[in-house]
Amino acid sequence: MDKQARIERISQMEERFDGVARILGELDEAIGKYEDIKDGLAALKDYLDSGQWKEDYEADEVGLLPKDLKRGVLSQDGLYDLLQEADRIICHARKVLGI
């Protein structure tokens, strides 16, 4: 093999090495962040499934909550869509990782 071909191959592999190392670092960071929100995600699922969400939504509809209360969690599709997105991402990760 000539010297130039070897240099090109090593350069290409170095680019791949750097890219893989960078993405693995980002993935590790993302997994750490997921661990940080895992309990919150479970709490949101429980909130929706328990019926408390519906009670809070209905209280908001009849004006029982303060006007300045942040209430994104009570949007009709917001919480459901967020939980669906979390499930989609988890399924995607399992598929990609083969687990």
N, C-alpha and C. Protein backbone atom coordinates (compact mmCIF):
# COMPACT_ATOMS: atom_id res chain seq x y z
N MET A 1 0.87 -1.19 0.00
CA MET A 1 0.00 0.00 0.00
C MET A 1 0.90 1.23 0.00
N ASP A 2 0.50 2.19 -0.82
CA ASP A 2 1.35 3.38 -0.88
C ASP A 2 1.08 4.31 0.31
N LYS A 3 2.03 5.15 0.55
CA LYS A 3 2.01 6.04 1.72
C LYS A 3 0.79 6.95 1.70
N GLN A 4 0.44 7.52 0.55
CA GLN A 4 -0.68 8.46 0.46
C GLN A 4 -2.02 7.78 0.77
N ALA A 5 -2.21 6.58 0.27
CA ALA A 5 -3.45 5.84 0.54
C ALA A 5 -3.57 5.54 2.05
N ARG A 6 -2.45 5.19 2.68
CA ARG A 6 -2.45 4.90 4.11
C ARG A 6 -2.81 6.17 4.91
N ILE A 7 -2.25 7.29 4.52
CA ILE A 7 -2.52 8.57 5.19
C ILE A 7 -4.00 8.93 5.04
N GLU A 8 -4.56 8.75 3.85
CA GLU A 8 -5.98 9.04 3.63
C GLU A 8 -6.86 8.14 4.47
N ARG A 9 -6.51 6.84 4.53
CA ARG A 9 -7.30 5.91 5.33
C ARG A 9 -7.26 6.30 6.81
N ILE A 10 -6.09 6.60 7.30
CA ILE A 10 -5.95 6.99 8.70
C ILE A 10 -6.71 8.28 8.97
N SER A 11 -6.66 9.22 8.05
CA SER A 11 -7.40 10.48 8.21
C SER A 11 -8.90 10.23 8.25
N GLN A 12 -9.39 9.36 7.38
CA GLN A 12 -10.82 9.03 7.38
C GLN A 12 -11.23 8.35 8.68
N MET A 13 -10.42 7.43 9.14
CA MET A 13 -10.73 6.73 10.39
C MET A 13 -10.64 7.69 11.57
N GLU A 14 -9.74 8.64 11.52
CA GLU A 14 -9.63 9.64 12.58
C GLU A 14 -10.89 10.50 12.66
N GLU A 15 -11.44 10.87 11.50
CA GLU A 15 -12.70 11.61 11.47
C GLU A 15 -13.82 10.79 12.08
N ARG A 16 -13.90 9.55 11.73
CA ARG A 16 -14.92 8.67 12.30
C ARG A 16 -14.72 8.52 13.81
N PHE A 17 -13.47 8.32 14.22
CA PHE A 17 -13.14 8.19 15.63
C PHE A 17 -13.62 9.41 16.41
N ASP A 18 -13.29 10.59 15.91
CA ASP A 18 -13.70 11.83 16.58
C ASP A 18 -15.22 11.97 16.62
N GLY A 19 -15.88 11.64 15.52
CA GLY A 19 -17.34 11.74 15.46
C GLY A 19 -18.02 10.77 16.42
N VAL A 20 -17.55 9.55 16.45
CA VAL A 20 -18.12 8.55 17.35
C VAL A 20 -17.88 8.96 18.80
N ALA A 21 -16.68 9.42 19.12
CA ALA A 21 -16.37 9.84 20.48
C ALA A 21 -17.28 11.00 20.91
N ARG A 22 -17.50 11.95 20.01
CA ARG A 22 -18.35 13.10 20.31
C ARG A 22 -19.80 12.66 20.57
N ILE A 23 -20.33 11.83 19.68
CA ILE A 23 -21.71 11.38 19.81
C ILE A 23 -21.89 10.51 21.05
N LEU A 24 -20.93 9.66 21.35
CA LEU A 24 -21.03 8.84 22.56
C LEU A 24 -21.06 9.72 23.80
N GLY A 25 -20.28 10.77 23.81
CA GLY A 25 -20.30 11.72 24.93
C GLY A 25 -21.66 12.39 25.06
N GLU A 26 -22.23 12.81 23.92
CA GLU A 26 -23.55 13.44 23.93
C GLU A 26 -24.62 12.45 24.39
N LEU A 27 -24.51 11.20 23.94
CA LEU A 27 -25.47 10.18 24.33
C LEU A 27 -25.39 9.90 25.83
N ASP A 28 -24.19 9.81 26.35
CA ASP A 28 -24.01 9.60 27.78
C ASP A 28 -24.62 10.75 28.58
N GLU A 29 -24.41 11.97 28.10
CA GLU A 29 -24.98 13.14 28.76
C GLU A 29 -26.51 13.09 28.71
N ALA A 30 -27.06 12.73 27.55
CA ALA A 30 -28.52 12.66 27.40
C ALA A 30 -29.11 11.58 28.31
N ILE A 31 -28.43 10.45 28.43
CA ILE A 31 -28.92 9.39 29.31
C ILE A 31 -28.90 9.88 30.76
N GLY A 32 -27.88 10.61 31.13
CA GLY A 32 -27.83 11.18 32.47
C GLY A 32 -28.98 12.14 32.71
N LYS A 33 -29.28 12.95 31.72
CA LYS A 33 -30.41 13.88 31.84
C LYS A 33 -31.73 13.13 31.94
N TYR A 34 -31.86 12.04 31.19
CA TYR A 34 -33.07 11.23 31.27
C TYR A 34 -33.24 10.67 32.67
N GLU A 35 -32.13 10.19 33.26
CA GLU A 35 -32.20 9.68 34.63
C GLU A 35 -32.73 10.76 35.58
N ASP A 36 -32.34 12.01 35.31
CA ASP A 36 -32.78 13.13 36.16
C ASP A 36 -34.28 13.40 36.05
N ILE A 37 -34.88 13.10 34.90
CA ILE A 37 -36.31 13.39 34.70
C ILE A 37 -37.21 12.17 34.83
N LYS A 38 -36.61 11.01 35.00
CA LYS A 38 -37.37 9.76 35.02
C LYS A 38 -38.49 9.78 36.07
N ASP A 39 -38.19 10.24 37.27
CA ASP A 39 -39.21 10.30 38.32
C ASP A 39 -40.30 11.30 37.96
N GLY A 40 -39.91 12.42 37.37
CA GLY A 40 -40.88 13.42 36.96
C GLY A 40 -41.80 12.90 35.87
N LEU A 41 -41.25 12.16 34.96
CA LEU A 41 -42.04 11.55 33.89
C LEU A 41 -43.07 10.58 34.47
N ALA A 42 -42.63 9.75 35.41
CA ALA A 42 -43.55 8.80 36.05
C ALA A 42 -44.65 9.55 36.81
N ALA A 43 -44.28 10.64 37.47
CA ALA A 43 -45.28 11.43 38.21
C ALA A 43 -46.30 12.04 37.27
N LEU A 44 -45.85 12.51 36.10
CA LEU A 44 -46.79 13.07 35.12
C LEU A 44 -47.74 12.00 34.59
N LYS A 45 -47.23 10.80 34.34
CA LYS A 45 -48.09 9.69 33.90
C LYS A 45 -49.14 9.38 34.96
N ASP A 46 -48.69 9.29 36.20
CA ASP A 46 -49.62 9.01 37.30
C ASP A 46 -50.67 10.11 37.42
N TYR A 47 -50.25 11.35 37.26
CA TYR A 47 -51.16 12.50 37.35
C TYR A 47 -52.26 12.39 36.31
N LEU A 48 -51.88 12.06 35.08
CA LEU A 48 -52.86 11.93 34.01
C LEU A 48 -53.79 10.73 34.23
N ASP A 49 -53.21 9.61 34.63
CA ASP A 49 -53.97 8.38 34.77
C ASP A 49 -54.87 8.35 36.01
N SER A 50 -54.52 9.11 37.03
CA SER A 50 -55.23 9.04 38.31
C SER A 50 -56.58 9.75 38.32
N GLY A 51 -56.80 10.59 37.35
CA GLY A 51 -58.03 11.39 37.35
C GLY A 51 -57.83 12.77 37.95
N GLN A 52 -56.70 12.99 38.62
CA GLN A 52 -56.42 14.32 39.18
C GLN A 52 -56.29 15.36 38.07
N TRP A 53 -55.69 14.95 36.94
CA TRP A 53 -55.55 15.90 35.84
C TRP A 53 -56.92 16.39 35.41
N LYS A 54 -57.86 15.49 35.23
CA LYS A 54 -59.20 15.87 34.79
C LYS A 54 -59.87 16.80 35.79
N GLU A 55 -59.72 16.51 37.08
CA GLU A 55 -60.29 17.38 38.11
C GLU A 55 -59.68 18.78 38.04
N ASP A 56 -58.36 18.85 37.86
CA ASP A 56 -57.69 20.15 37.78
C ASP A 56 -58.09 20.90 36.51
N TYR A 57 -58.23 20.17 35.42
CA TYR A 57 -58.65 20.77 34.16
C TYR A 57 -60.06 21.37 34.31
N GLU A 58 -60.95 20.61 34.91
CA GLU A 58 -62.32 21.09 35.09
C GLU A 58 -62.38 22.28 36.04
N ALA A 59 -61.54 22.27 37.08
CA ALA A 59 -61.48 23.42 37.99
C ALA A 59 -61.01 24.67 37.24
N ASP A 60 -60.08 24.49 36.33
CA ASP A 60 -59.60 25.62 35.53
C ASP A 60 -60.70 26.12 34.60
N GLU A 61 -61.42 25.20 34.01
CA GLU A 61 -62.49 25.57 33.08
C GLU A 61 -63.58 26.42 33.73
N VAL A 62 -63.85 26.19 35.00
CA VAL A 62 -64.89 26.97 35.69
C VAL A 62 -64.33 28.16 36.47
N GLY A 63 -63.02 28.43 36.28
CA GLY A 63 -62.43 29.63 36.87
C GLY A 63 -62.00 29.52 38.32
N LEU A 64 -61.76 28.32 38.81
CA LEU A 64 -61.36 28.15 40.20
C LEU A 64 -59.86 28.34 40.44
N LEU A 65 -59.10 28.51 39.39
CA LEU A 65 -57.65 28.68 39.53
C LEU A 65 -57.25 30.12 39.26
N PRO A 66 -56.18 30.60 39.90
CA PRO A 66 -55.74 31.98 39.67
C PRO A 66 -55.37 32.21 38.20
N LYS A 67 -55.67 33.38 37.71
CA LYS A 67 -55.39 33.72 36.30
C LYS A 67 -53.89 33.67 35.99
N ASP A 68 -53.05 33.98 36.97
CA ASP A 68 -51.60 34.04 36.71
C ASP A 68 -50.89 32.70 36.93
N LEU A 69 -51.64 31.63 37.20
CA LEU A 69 -51.05 30.31 37.41
C LEU A 69 -50.61 29.73 36.07
N LYS A 70 -49.35 29.33 35.99
CA LYS A 70 -48.87 28.66 34.77
C LYS A 70 -49.58 27.31 34.70
N ARG A 71 -50.17 27.00 33.54
CA ARG A 71 -51.02 25.81 33.46
C ARG A 71 -50.84 25.05 32.15
N GLY A 72 -49.62 25.05 31.64
CA GLY A 72 -49.36 24.28 30.42
C GLY A 72 -49.69 22.80 30.56
N VAL A 73 -49.53 22.28 31.77
CA VAL A 73 -49.83 20.87 32.01
C VAL A 73 -51.32 20.58 31.83
N LEU A 74 -52.14 21.61 31.87
CA LEU A 74 -53.59 21.41 31.73
C LEU A 74 -54.08 21.55 30.29
N SER A 75 -53.19 21.88 29.37
CA SER A 75 -53.65 21.97 27.98
C SER A 75 -54.17 20.60 27.55
N GLN A 76 -55.23 20.59 26.75
CA GLN A 76 -55.88 19.32 26.44
C GLN A 76 -54.96 18.30 25.79
N ASP A 77 -54.03 18.74 24.96
CA ASP A 77 -53.14 17.80 24.29
C ASP A 77 -51.71 17.83 24.80
N GLY A 78 -51.34 18.86 25.52
CA GLY A 78 -49.94 19.07 25.90
C GLY A 78 -49.34 17.92 26.70
N LEU A 79 -49.97 17.54 27.78
CA LEU A 79 -49.42 16.48 28.63
C LEU A 79 -49.44 15.14 27.91
N TYR A 80 -50.55 14.82 27.26
CA TYR A 80 -50.65 13.57 26.52
C TYR A 80 -49.56 13.49 25.44
N ASP A 81 -49.40 14.58 24.68
CA ASP A 81 -48.39 14.61 23.61
C ASP A 81 -46.98 14.45 24.18
N LEU A 82 -46.71 15.10 25.31
CA LEU A 82 -45.40 14.99 25.94
C LEU A 82 -45.11 13.54 26.34
N LEU A 83 -46.09 12.88 26.93
CA LEU A 83 -45.91 11.49 27.35
C LEU A 83 -45.76 10.56 26.14
N GLN A 84 -46.50 10.84 25.08
CA GLN A 84 -46.36 10.05 23.85
C GLN A 84 -44.98 10.23 23.24
N GLU A 85 -44.47 11.45 23.27
CA GLU A 85 -43.13 11.72 22.74
C GLU A 85 -42.08 10.99 23.56
N ALA A 86 -42.23 10.97 24.88
CA ALA A 86 -41.30 10.24 25.73
C ALA A 86 -41.32 8.75 25.38
N ASP A 87 -42.50 8.18 25.20
CA ASP A 87 -42.61 6.77 24.83
C ASP A 87 -41.97 6.51 23.47
N ARG A 88 -42.20 7.42 22.51
CA ARG A 88 -41.62 7.25 21.18
C ARG A 88 -40.10 7.24 21.24
N ILE A 89 -39.54 8.17 21.99
CA ILE A 89 -38.08 8.26 22.10
C ILE A 89 -37.51 7.02 22.78
N ILE A 90 -38.17 6.55 23.83
CA ILE A 90 -37.70 5.35 24.53
C ILE A 90 -37.75 4.14 23.61
N CYS A 91 -38.83 3.99 22.85
CA CYS A 91 -38.95 2.88 21.89
C CYS A 91 -37.87 2.97 20.82
N HIS A 92 -37.63 4.18 20.34
CA HIS A 92 -36.60 4.38 19.32
C HIS A 92 -35.23 3.99 19.88
N ALA A 93 -34.92 4.41 21.10
CA ALA A 93 -33.63 4.08 21.71
C ALA A 93 -33.48 2.58 21.86
N ARG A 94 -34.54 1.91 22.29
CA ARG A 94 -34.48 0.45 22.45
C ARG A 94 -34.22 -0.23 21.10
N LYS A 95 -34.89 0.25 20.08
CA LYS A 95 -34.73 -0.35 18.74
C LYS A 95 -33.31 -0.15 18.25
N VAL A 96 -32.80 1.06 18.38
CA VAL A 96 -31.45 1.37 17.91
C VAL A 96 -30.41 0.57 18.69
N LEU A 97 -30.62 0.45 20.00
CA LEU A 97 -29.65 -0.25 20.86
C LEU A 97 -29.85 -1.76 20.86
N GLY A 98 -30.96 -2.21 20.27
CA GLY A 98 -31.23 -3.65 20.21
C GLY A 98 -31.61 -4.25 21.55
N ILE A 99 -32.35 -3.45 22.36
CA ILE A 99 -32.75 -3.97 23.68
C ILE A 99 -34.27 -3.99 23.79
